[in-house]
N, C-alpha and C. Protein backbone atom coordinates (compact mmCIF):
# COMPACT_ATOMS: atom_id res chain seq x y z
N MET A 1 -90.69 -14.85 -101.18
CA MET A 1 -89.43 -15.34 -101.68
C MET A 1 -89.10 -16.67 -100.99
N LYS A 2 -88.66 -17.63 -101.76
CA LYS A 2 -88.29 -18.93 -101.22
C LYS A 2 -86.95 -18.84 -100.48
N ARG A 3 -86.92 -19.38 -99.29
CA ARG A 3 -85.68 -19.37 -98.51
C ARG A 3 -84.69 -20.37 -99.13
N SER A 4 -83.44 -19.95 -99.24
CA SER A 4 -82.46 -20.82 -99.91
C SER A 4 -81.20 -21.08 -99.09
N ASN A 5 -81.03 -20.40 -97.96
CA ASN A 5 -79.84 -20.61 -97.14
C ASN A 5 -80.11 -21.64 -96.05
N ILE A 6 -79.04 -22.25 -95.57
CA ILE A 6 -79.09 -23.12 -94.41
C ILE A 6 -78.20 -22.46 -93.36
N VAL A 7 -78.79 -22.11 -92.22
CA VAL A 7 -78.09 -21.38 -91.16
C VAL A 7 -77.84 -22.33 -90.00
N LEU A 8 -76.57 -22.54 -89.67
CA LEU A 8 -76.20 -23.45 -88.59
C LEU A 8 -75.95 -22.67 -87.31
N ILE A 9 -76.61 -23.10 -86.23
CA ILE A 9 -76.41 -22.49 -84.92
C ILE A 9 -76.03 -23.58 -83.93
N GLY A 10 -75.36 -23.19 -82.86
CA GLY A 10 -74.98 -24.13 -81.82
C GLY A 10 -73.77 -23.62 -81.05
N MET A 11 -73.43 -24.36 -80.02
CA MET A 11 -72.30 -24.00 -79.16
C MET A 11 -70.98 -24.05 -79.92
N PRO A 12 -69.98 -23.28 -79.46
CA PRO A 12 -68.63 -23.45 -79.98
C PRO A 12 -68.21 -24.90 -79.77
N GLY A 13 -67.75 -25.54 -80.83
CA GLY A 13 -67.36 -26.94 -80.74
C GLY A 13 -68.43 -27.90 -81.18
N SER A 14 -69.61 -27.38 -81.52
CA SER A 14 -70.69 -28.27 -81.97
C SER A 14 -70.47 -28.75 -83.40
N GLY A 15 -69.58 -28.09 -84.14
CA GLY A 15 -69.25 -28.54 -85.49
C GLY A 15 -69.79 -27.67 -86.60
N LYS A 16 -70.26 -26.48 -86.30
CA LYS A 16 -70.88 -25.63 -87.31
C LYS A 16 -69.98 -25.38 -88.52
N SER A 17 -68.75 -25.01 -88.28
CA SER A 17 -67.85 -24.68 -89.40
C SER A 17 -67.49 -25.91 -90.21
N THR A 18 -67.10 -26.98 -89.56
CA THR A 18 -66.69 -28.19 -90.27
C THR A 18 -67.88 -28.85 -90.97
N VAL A 19 -68.97 -29.02 -90.25
CA VAL A 19 -70.17 -29.60 -90.85
C VAL A 19 -70.69 -28.70 -91.97
N GLY A 20 -70.57 -27.39 -91.78
CA GLY A 20 -71.02 -26.46 -92.80
C GLY A 20 -70.30 -26.62 -94.12
N VAL A 21 -68.99 -26.79 -94.07
CA VAL A 21 -68.21 -27.00 -95.30
C VAL A 21 -68.64 -28.32 -95.97
N LEU A 22 -68.77 -29.37 -95.18
CA LEU A 22 -69.19 -30.66 -95.72
C LEU A 22 -70.58 -30.59 -96.32
N LEU A 23 -71.49 -29.90 -95.65
CA LEU A 23 -72.86 -29.75 -96.13
C LEU A 23 -72.89 -28.95 -97.43
N ALA A 24 -72.11 -27.89 -97.49
CA ALA A 24 -72.05 -27.08 -98.72
C ALA A 24 -71.56 -27.92 -99.89
N LYS A 25 -70.55 -28.75 -99.67
CA LYS A 25 -70.05 -29.63 -100.73
C LYS A 25 -71.12 -30.63 -101.15
N LEU A 26 -71.77 -31.21 -100.16
CA LEU A 26 -72.80 -32.22 -100.40
C LEU A 26 -73.96 -31.67 -101.22
N LEU A 27 -74.33 -30.42 -100.97
CA LEU A 27 -75.50 -29.82 -101.62
C LEU A 27 -75.14 -28.85 -102.75
N ALA A 28 -73.86 -28.76 -103.09
CA ALA A 28 -73.39 -27.84 -104.13
C ALA A 28 -73.83 -26.40 -103.82
N MET A 29 -73.59 -26.00 -102.58
CA MET A 29 -73.91 -24.65 -102.14
C MET A 29 -72.61 -23.93 -101.79
N ARG A 30 -72.69 -22.65 -101.59
CA ARG A 30 -71.55 -21.88 -101.11
C ARG A 30 -71.55 -21.91 -99.59
N PHE A 31 -70.38 -21.62 -99.00
CA PHE A 31 -70.24 -21.66 -97.55
C PHE A 31 -69.65 -20.34 -97.05
N ILE A 32 -70.16 -19.89 -95.91
CA ILE A 32 -69.60 -18.71 -95.26
C ILE A 32 -69.66 -18.90 -93.75
N ASP A 33 -68.64 -18.41 -93.07
CA ASP A 33 -68.55 -18.50 -91.62
C ASP A 33 -68.58 -17.07 -91.07
N THR A 34 -69.59 -16.76 -90.28
CA THR A 34 -69.74 -15.37 -89.81
C THR A 34 -68.63 -14.96 -88.85
N ASP A 35 -68.01 -15.92 -88.16
CA ASP A 35 -66.86 -15.56 -87.31
C ASP A 35 -65.73 -14.98 -88.16
N ILE A 36 -65.52 -15.53 -89.34
CA ILE A 36 -64.49 -15.02 -90.24
C ILE A 36 -64.89 -13.63 -90.76
N LEU A 37 -66.17 -13.45 -91.05
CA LEU A 37 -66.63 -12.12 -91.47
C LEU A 37 -66.37 -11.08 -90.39
N ILE A 38 -66.61 -11.44 -89.14
CA ILE A 38 -66.37 -10.52 -88.02
C ILE A 38 -64.88 -10.19 -87.93
N GLN A 39 -64.04 -11.19 -88.02
CA GLN A 39 -62.58 -10.97 -87.95
C GLN A 39 -62.11 -10.09 -89.10
N ASN A 40 -62.64 -10.32 -90.29
CA ASN A 40 -62.28 -9.48 -91.44
C ASN A 40 -62.78 -8.05 -91.25
N HIS A 41 -63.98 -7.90 -90.72
CA HIS A 41 -64.56 -6.58 -90.48
C HIS A 41 -63.71 -5.78 -89.50
N CYS A 42 -63.24 -6.44 -88.44
CA CYS A 42 -62.48 -5.76 -87.38
C CYS A 42 -60.97 -5.79 -87.61
N GLY A 43 -60.50 -6.68 -88.46
CA GLY A 43 -59.07 -6.82 -88.68
C GLY A 43 -58.36 -7.43 -87.48
N ARG A 44 -59.09 -8.21 -86.67
CA ARG A 44 -58.53 -8.83 -85.46
C ARG A 44 -59.22 -10.16 -85.21
N THR A 45 -58.63 -10.94 -84.34
CA THR A 45 -59.24 -12.21 -83.96
C THR A 45 -60.40 -11.96 -83.00
N LEU A 46 -61.27 -12.93 -82.88
CA LEU A 46 -62.38 -12.83 -81.92
C LEU A 46 -61.85 -12.68 -80.51
N GLN A 47 -60.80 -13.43 -80.19
CA GLN A 47 -60.24 -13.36 -78.84
C GLN A 47 -59.69 -11.97 -78.54
N ASP A 48 -59.05 -11.35 -79.51
CA ASP A 48 -58.54 -10.00 -79.33
C ASP A 48 -59.69 -9.02 -79.08
N ILE A 49 -60.78 -9.19 -79.80
CA ILE A 49 -61.95 -8.33 -79.61
C ILE A 49 -62.48 -8.48 -78.18
N VAL A 50 -62.64 -9.73 -77.74
CA VAL A 50 -63.15 -9.99 -76.38
C VAL A 50 -62.19 -9.44 -75.34
N ASP A 51 -60.90 -9.69 -75.52
CA ASP A 51 -59.90 -9.24 -74.54
C ASP A 51 -59.84 -7.72 -74.41
N ASN A 52 -59.95 -7.02 -75.54
CA ASN A 52 -59.75 -5.57 -75.53
C ASN A 52 -61.02 -4.74 -75.48
N ASP A 53 -62.12 -5.30 -75.96
CA ASP A 53 -63.36 -4.53 -76.03
C ASP A 53 -64.53 -5.17 -75.28
N GLY A 54 -64.38 -6.41 -74.88
CA GLY A 54 -65.42 -7.08 -74.12
C GLY A 54 -66.38 -7.91 -74.96
N HIS A 55 -67.06 -8.82 -74.28
CA HIS A 55 -67.96 -9.75 -74.97
C HIS A 55 -69.19 -9.05 -75.54
N MET A 56 -69.64 -7.98 -74.92
CA MET A 56 -70.81 -7.27 -75.44
C MET A 56 -70.48 -6.54 -76.74
N TYR A 57 -69.26 -6.03 -76.84
CA TYR A 57 -68.85 -5.39 -78.09
C TYR A 57 -68.80 -6.43 -79.21
N LEU A 58 -68.30 -7.61 -78.90
CA LEU A 58 -68.27 -8.68 -79.91
C LEU A 58 -69.70 -8.98 -80.38
N ARG A 59 -70.64 -9.05 -79.48
CA ARG A 59 -72.03 -9.30 -79.87
C ARG A 59 -72.58 -8.18 -80.74
N GLU A 60 -72.21 -6.93 -80.43
CA GLU A 60 -72.66 -5.79 -81.25
C GLU A 60 -72.12 -5.89 -82.67
N VAL A 61 -70.83 -6.20 -82.79
CA VAL A 61 -70.22 -6.34 -84.11
C VAL A 61 -70.85 -7.52 -84.84
N GLU A 62 -71.08 -8.60 -84.12
CA GLU A 62 -71.69 -9.78 -84.72
C GLU A 62 -73.05 -9.43 -85.32
N GLU A 63 -73.87 -8.69 -84.57
CA GLU A 63 -75.19 -8.30 -85.08
C GLU A 63 -75.04 -7.44 -86.34
N LYS A 64 -74.14 -6.47 -86.29
CA LYS A 64 -73.92 -5.59 -87.45
C LYS A 64 -73.52 -6.40 -88.68
N VAL A 65 -72.59 -7.31 -88.51
CA VAL A 65 -72.12 -8.14 -89.63
C VAL A 65 -73.25 -9.03 -90.15
N ILE A 66 -74.02 -9.65 -89.24
CA ILE A 66 -75.12 -10.52 -89.64
C ILE A 66 -76.15 -9.73 -90.46
N LEU A 67 -76.47 -8.53 -90.02
CA LEU A 67 -77.47 -7.72 -90.72
C LEU A 67 -77.00 -7.30 -92.12
N GLU A 68 -75.70 -7.33 -92.36
CA GLU A 68 -75.15 -7.00 -93.69
C GLU A 68 -75.11 -8.21 -94.61
N VAL A 69 -75.33 -9.41 -94.08
CA VAL A 69 -75.27 -10.63 -94.89
C VAL A 69 -76.53 -10.70 -95.75
N LYS A 70 -76.30 -10.67 -97.06
CA LYS A 70 -77.40 -10.77 -98.02
C LYS A 70 -76.99 -11.81 -99.05
N LEU A 71 -77.32 -13.06 -98.77
CA LEU A 71 -76.86 -14.18 -99.57
C LEU A 71 -78.02 -15.08 -99.97
N ASN A 72 -77.80 -15.83 -101.03
CA ASN A 72 -78.71 -16.88 -101.45
C ASN A 72 -77.92 -18.14 -101.70
N HIS A 73 -78.53 -19.26 -101.40
CA HIS A 73 -77.96 -20.58 -101.68
C HIS A 73 -76.60 -20.77 -101.00
N HIS A 74 -76.55 -20.42 -99.72
CA HIS A 74 -75.34 -20.56 -98.90
C HIS A 74 -75.61 -21.39 -97.66
N VAL A 75 -74.60 -22.08 -97.21
CA VAL A 75 -74.60 -22.63 -95.86
C VAL A 75 -73.86 -21.60 -95.02
N ILE A 76 -74.51 -21.15 -93.95
CA ILE A 76 -73.96 -20.10 -93.11
C ILE A 76 -73.70 -20.66 -91.72
N ALA A 77 -72.42 -20.75 -91.36
CA ALA A 77 -72.04 -21.15 -90.00
C ALA A 77 -71.97 -19.88 -89.19
N THR A 78 -72.75 -19.82 -88.12
CA THR A 78 -72.78 -18.61 -87.30
C THR A 78 -71.93 -18.78 -86.06
N GLY A 79 -71.58 -17.66 -85.45
CA GLY A 79 -70.93 -17.70 -84.16
C GLY A 79 -71.92 -18.19 -83.12
N GLY A 80 -71.41 -18.79 -82.05
CA GLY A 80 -72.28 -19.36 -81.03
C GLY A 80 -73.18 -18.37 -80.34
N SER A 81 -72.84 -17.07 -80.41
CA SER A 81 -73.64 -16.06 -79.70
C SER A 81 -74.67 -15.38 -80.58
N VAL A 82 -74.78 -15.74 -81.85
CA VAL A 82 -75.71 -15.04 -82.75
C VAL A 82 -77.16 -15.07 -82.26
N PRO A 83 -77.64 -16.12 -81.60
CA PRO A 83 -79.05 -16.08 -81.16
C PRO A 83 -79.37 -15.05 -80.07
N TYR A 84 -78.37 -14.39 -79.51
CA TYR A 84 -78.65 -13.30 -78.58
C TYR A 84 -79.27 -12.11 -79.32
N SER A 85 -79.06 -12.03 -80.61
CA SER A 85 -79.57 -10.91 -81.41
C SER A 85 -80.87 -11.31 -82.10
N GLU A 86 -81.97 -10.79 -81.58
CA GLU A 86 -83.26 -11.06 -82.20
C GLU A 86 -83.32 -10.50 -83.62
N ARG A 87 -82.75 -9.30 -83.80
CA ARG A 87 -82.72 -8.70 -85.14
C ARG A 87 -81.89 -9.54 -86.10
N GLY A 88 -80.73 -9.99 -85.63
CA GLY A 88 -79.86 -10.80 -86.48
C GLY A 88 -80.51 -12.12 -86.87
N MET A 89 -81.13 -12.77 -85.91
CA MET A 89 -81.80 -14.05 -86.21
C MET A 89 -82.99 -13.84 -87.13
N GLY A 90 -83.73 -12.76 -86.92
CA GLY A 90 -84.84 -12.45 -87.83
C GLY A 90 -84.36 -12.26 -89.25
N HIS A 91 -83.24 -11.58 -89.40
CA HIS A 91 -82.66 -11.36 -90.72
C HIS A 91 -82.24 -12.69 -91.36
N LEU A 92 -81.58 -13.55 -90.59
CA LEU A 92 -81.15 -14.84 -91.13
C LEU A 92 -82.34 -15.73 -91.50
N LEU A 93 -83.41 -15.65 -90.73
CA LEU A 93 -84.60 -16.45 -90.99
C LEU A 93 -85.36 -15.99 -92.24
N GLU A 94 -85.16 -14.74 -92.65
CA GLU A 94 -85.85 -14.25 -93.85
C GLU A 94 -85.51 -15.08 -95.07
N ASN A 95 -84.27 -15.54 -95.18
CA ASN A 95 -83.86 -16.28 -96.36
C ASN A 95 -83.15 -17.57 -96.01
N GLY A 96 -83.38 -18.09 -94.81
CA GLY A 96 -82.69 -19.32 -94.44
C GLY A 96 -83.47 -20.15 -93.46
N ILE A 97 -83.20 -21.42 -93.49
CA ILE A 97 -83.75 -22.36 -92.52
C ILE A 97 -82.69 -22.54 -91.44
N VAL A 98 -83.08 -22.49 -90.18
CA VAL A 98 -82.14 -22.54 -89.07
C VAL A 98 -82.05 -23.96 -88.53
N VAL A 99 -80.82 -24.46 -88.50
CA VAL A 99 -80.53 -25.82 -88.03
C VAL A 99 -79.65 -25.72 -86.79
N PHE A 100 -80.13 -26.29 -85.69
CA PHE A 100 -79.40 -26.31 -84.42
C PHE A 100 -78.61 -27.60 -84.34
N LEU A 101 -77.28 -27.48 -84.24
CA LEU A 101 -76.41 -28.63 -84.02
C LEU A 101 -76.32 -28.84 -82.52
N GLU A 102 -77.15 -29.72 -82.02
CA GLU A 102 -77.25 -29.95 -80.58
C GLU A 102 -76.19 -30.95 -80.12
N THR A 103 -75.62 -30.68 -78.99
CA THR A 103 -74.65 -31.59 -78.39
C THR A 103 -74.73 -31.44 -76.87
N ASP A 104 -73.87 -32.13 -76.17
CA ASP A 104 -73.87 -32.03 -74.71
C ASP A 104 -72.49 -31.57 -74.24
N MET A 105 -72.39 -31.26 -72.96
CA MET A 105 -71.12 -30.74 -72.43
C MET A 105 -69.99 -31.76 -72.54
N ALA A 106 -70.29 -33.02 -72.34
CA ALA A 106 -69.24 -34.04 -72.42
C ALA A 106 -68.62 -34.06 -73.83
N THR A 107 -69.46 -33.97 -74.83
CA THR A 107 -68.97 -33.95 -76.22
C THR A 107 -68.17 -32.69 -76.48
N LEU A 108 -68.66 -31.55 -76.00
CA LEU A 108 -67.94 -30.29 -76.21
C LEU A 108 -66.58 -30.31 -75.53
N HIS A 109 -66.52 -30.84 -74.31
CA HIS A 109 -65.24 -30.94 -73.61
C HIS A 109 -64.27 -31.85 -74.35
N ALA A 110 -64.77 -32.90 -74.97
CA ALA A 110 -63.91 -33.81 -75.72
C ALA A 110 -63.38 -33.15 -77.00
N ARG A 111 -64.17 -32.26 -77.59
CA ARG A 111 -63.80 -31.64 -78.86
C ARG A 111 -62.98 -30.37 -78.71
N VAL A 112 -63.26 -29.59 -77.66
CA VAL A 112 -62.67 -28.26 -77.54
C VAL A 112 -61.85 -28.16 -76.25
N HIS A 113 -60.62 -27.73 -76.41
CA HIS A 113 -59.73 -27.61 -75.26
C HIS A 113 -59.25 -26.17 -75.06
N ASN A 114 -59.72 -25.26 -75.91
CA ASN A 114 -59.21 -23.89 -75.87
C ASN A 114 -60.31 -22.86 -75.63
N TYR A 115 -61.24 -23.15 -74.74
CA TYR A 115 -62.34 -22.22 -74.48
C TYR A 115 -61.84 -20.84 -74.05
N ASP A 116 -60.73 -20.79 -73.33
CA ASP A 116 -60.25 -19.51 -72.83
C ASP A 116 -59.55 -18.67 -73.89
N SER A 117 -59.24 -19.26 -75.04
CA SER A 117 -58.56 -18.50 -76.10
C SER A 117 -59.32 -18.54 -77.42
N ARG A 118 -60.54 -19.00 -77.39
CA ARG A 118 -61.31 -19.21 -78.62
C ARG A 118 -62.12 -17.99 -79.04
N GLY A 119 -62.19 -16.96 -78.24
CA GLY A 119 -62.95 -15.78 -78.62
C GLY A 119 -64.45 -15.95 -78.43
N ILE A 120 -64.85 -16.55 -77.33
CA ILE A 120 -66.25 -16.80 -77.06
C ILE A 120 -66.86 -15.60 -76.35
N ALA A 121 -68.01 -15.15 -76.83
CA ALA A 121 -68.69 -14.00 -76.23
C ALA A 121 -69.41 -14.46 -74.96
N ARG A 122 -68.72 -14.28 -73.84
CA ARG A 122 -69.29 -14.63 -72.54
C ARG A 122 -68.73 -13.70 -71.49
N ARG A 123 -69.48 -13.57 -70.40
CA ARG A 123 -69.00 -12.76 -69.28
C ARG A 123 -67.71 -13.37 -68.73
N PRO A 124 -66.79 -12.55 -68.25
CA PRO A 124 -65.53 -13.08 -67.72
C PRO A 124 -65.72 -14.09 -66.58
N ASP A 125 -66.79 -13.93 -65.80
CA ASP A 125 -67.03 -14.82 -64.67
C ASP A 125 -67.91 -16.02 -65.03
N GLN A 126 -68.27 -16.15 -66.30
CA GLN A 126 -69.22 -17.19 -66.72
C GLN A 126 -68.49 -18.45 -67.17
N SER A 127 -68.86 -19.57 -66.57
CA SER A 127 -68.27 -20.84 -66.98
C SER A 127 -68.89 -21.31 -68.30
N ILE A 128 -68.21 -22.19 -68.97
CA ILE A 128 -68.74 -22.76 -70.20
C ILE A 128 -70.03 -23.52 -69.92
N GLU A 129 -70.09 -24.18 -68.79
CA GLU A 129 -71.30 -24.92 -68.42
C GLU A 129 -72.49 -23.98 -68.24
N ASP A 130 -72.27 -22.84 -67.59
CA ASP A 130 -73.35 -21.86 -67.43
C ASP A 130 -73.76 -21.27 -68.77
N LEU A 131 -72.78 -21.00 -69.62
CA LEU A 131 -73.06 -20.48 -70.95
C LEU A 131 -73.87 -21.48 -71.76
N PHE A 132 -73.52 -22.75 -71.64
CA PHE A 132 -74.22 -23.83 -72.33
C PHE A 132 -75.71 -23.82 -71.96
N VAL A 133 -75.99 -23.74 -70.69
CA VAL A 133 -77.38 -23.73 -70.21
C VAL A 133 -78.11 -22.49 -70.72
N GLU A 134 -77.45 -21.34 -70.62
CA GLU A 134 -78.06 -20.08 -71.06
C GLU A 134 -78.39 -20.10 -72.55
N ARG A 135 -77.46 -20.58 -73.35
CA ARG A 135 -77.65 -20.55 -74.80
C ARG A 135 -78.59 -21.63 -75.31
N ALA A 136 -78.70 -22.74 -74.61
CA ALA A 136 -79.55 -23.84 -75.08
C ALA A 136 -80.97 -23.36 -75.36
N ALA A 137 -81.50 -22.53 -74.48
CA ALA A 137 -82.87 -22.02 -74.67
C ALA A 137 -82.96 -21.16 -75.93
N LEU A 138 -81.92 -20.37 -76.20
CA LEU A 138 -81.93 -19.52 -77.39
C LEU A 138 -81.85 -20.36 -78.66
N TYR A 139 -80.98 -21.36 -78.67
CA TYR A 139 -80.87 -22.22 -79.85
C TYR A 139 -82.20 -22.91 -80.14
N LYS A 140 -82.84 -23.41 -79.10
CA LYS A 140 -84.12 -24.11 -79.27
C LYS A 140 -85.22 -23.16 -79.73
N LYS A 141 -85.15 -21.92 -79.29
CA LYS A 141 -86.15 -20.92 -79.69
C LYS A 141 -86.15 -20.70 -81.20
N TYR A 142 -84.97 -20.65 -81.81
CA TYR A 142 -84.87 -20.31 -83.22
C TYR A 142 -84.78 -21.53 -84.15
N ALA A 143 -84.49 -22.69 -83.62
CA ALA A 143 -84.27 -23.87 -84.46
C ALA A 143 -85.54 -24.32 -85.15
N GLU A 144 -85.43 -24.52 -86.45
CA GLU A 144 -86.51 -25.13 -87.21
C GLU A 144 -86.25 -26.62 -87.39
N ILE A 145 -84.98 -26.97 -87.32
CA ILE A 145 -84.54 -28.36 -87.36
C ILE A 145 -83.47 -28.50 -86.29
N THR A 146 -83.52 -29.56 -85.52
CA THR A 146 -82.48 -29.86 -84.53
C THR A 146 -81.86 -31.19 -84.88
N VAL A 147 -80.53 -31.21 -84.97
CA VAL A 147 -79.79 -32.44 -85.26
C VAL A 147 -78.92 -32.76 -84.06
N ASP A 148 -79.11 -33.94 -83.50
CA ASP A 148 -78.33 -34.39 -82.35
C ASP A 148 -76.96 -34.83 -82.85
N CYS A 149 -75.93 -34.08 -82.50
CA CYS A 149 -74.58 -34.35 -82.98
C CYS A 149 -73.71 -35.09 -81.97
N ARG A 150 -74.32 -35.61 -80.93
CA ARG A 150 -73.55 -36.31 -79.90
C ARG A 150 -73.00 -37.65 -80.38
N TYR A 151 -73.75 -38.33 -81.21
CA TYR A 151 -73.39 -39.71 -81.54
C TYR A 151 -73.10 -39.91 -83.03
N CYS A 152 -72.78 -38.85 -83.72
CA CYS A 152 -72.45 -38.99 -85.14
C CYS A 152 -71.20 -38.20 -85.46
N ASN A 153 -70.54 -38.61 -86.53
CA ASN A 153 -69.37 -37.84 -86.96
C ASN A 153 -69.85 -36.69 -87.85
N GLN A 154 -68.94 -35.86 -88.29
CA GLN A 154 -69.31 -34.66 -89.03
C GLN A 154 -69.92 -34.97 -90.39
N ASP A 155 -69.44 -36.03 -91.06
CA ASP A 155 -70.04 -36.42 -92.34
C ASP A 155 -71.47 -36.88 -92.14
N GLU A 156 -71.70 -37.66 -91.10
CA GLU A 156 -73.06 -38.13 -90.81
C GLU A 156 -73.98 -36.97 -90.46
N ALA A 157 -73.47 -36.01 -89.72
CA ALA A 157 -74.26 -34.83 -89.37
C ALA A 157 -74.65 -34.06 -90.64
N ALA A 158 -73.71 -33.88 -91.55
CA ALA A 158 -74.00 -33.16 -92.80
C ALA A 158 -75.06 -33.91 -93.61
N GLU A 159 -74.94 -35.22 -93.69
CA GLU A 159 -75.92 -36.02 -94.43
C GLU A 159 -77.31 -35.93 -93.79
N GLU A 160 -77.36 -35.98 -92.46
CA GLU A 160 -78.63 -35.87 -91.74
C GLU A 160 -79.28 -34.51 -92.00
N ILE A 161 -78.47 -33.46 -91.95
CA ILE A 161 -78.99 -32.11 -92.21
C ILE A 161 -79.52 -32.01 -93.63
N ALA A 162 -78.76 -32.52 -94.60
CA ALA A 162 -79.19 -32.48 -96.00
C ALA A 162 -80.54 -33.16 -96.17
N HIS A 163 -80.69 -34.32 -95.56
CA HIS A 163 -81.94 -35.07 -95.65
C HIS A 163 -83.09 -34.30 -95.01
N ARG A 164 -82.85 -33.78 -93.81
CA ARG A 164 -83.91 -33.08 -93.07
C ARG A 164 -84.28 -31.75 -93.72
N VAL A 165 -83.29 -31.05 -94.28
CA VAL A 165 -83.56 -29.78 -94.95
C VAL A 165 -84.37 -30.02 -96.23
N ALA A 166 -84.02 -31.06 -96.98
CA ALA A 166 -84.78 -31.38 -98.20
C ALA A 166 -86.24 -31.65 -97.86
N ALA A 167 -86.48 -32.41 -96.80
CA ALA A 167 -87.85 -32.69 -96.38
C ALA A 167 -88.55 -31.41 -95.94
N PHE A 168 -87.84 -30.55 -95.24
CA PHE A 168 -88.41 -29.28 -94.76
C PHE A 168 -88.79 -28.41 -95.94
N PHE A 169 -87.88 -28.26 -96.90
CA PHE A 169 -88.15 -27.42 -98.07
C PHE A 169 -89.30 -27.97 -98.90
N SER A 170 -89.44 -29.28 -99.00
CA SER A 170 -90.53 -29.85 -99.78
C SER A 170 -91.88 -29.59 -99.11
N ARG A 171 -91.90 -29.55 -97.76
CA ARG A 171 -93.13 -29.22 -97.05
C ARG A 171 -93.46 -27.74 -97.16
N GLU A 172 -92.43 -26.90 -97.33
CA GLU A 172 -92.62 -25.45 -97.37
C GLU A 172 -93.18 -24.96 -98.69
N LYS A 173 -93.11 -25.78 -99.73
CA LYS A 173 -93.56 -25.38 -101.07
C LYS A 173 -95.05 -25.14 -101.12
């Protein structure tokens, strides 16, 4: 079966949701954000889940929700912790190309000011910088395409992804 989804991975603040909407418009695809699916599944915000049930529970719910996603021709913005789930990533790779929106800590600090209330799946004692280092290896492990988002705006990132995905799909035929 030909893969038809574009799966965006990266740190919170890398632009997955915003770039995802722009990319979906650009390519006439549908868009879905797995963080919203998780919130709808639980009937609560991500932060409430982390505060009351812990970051590992959020990861468990995330994996369950990801494994239920059965879509075609969608841009899928994932939560920043989705690469912790080998099963979840395997499922997404079955019908999607994985694009890593790479950035650096300086860019993330400039974009995001609410790390403590954003619902990020991390240990209570873990700094954002430590989380960044830990997750970078996971993002690189699963990425089929990496787009450097440090020096471009969201429209430029969407255009770059569209171009690179088209080239990838043409090679995959």
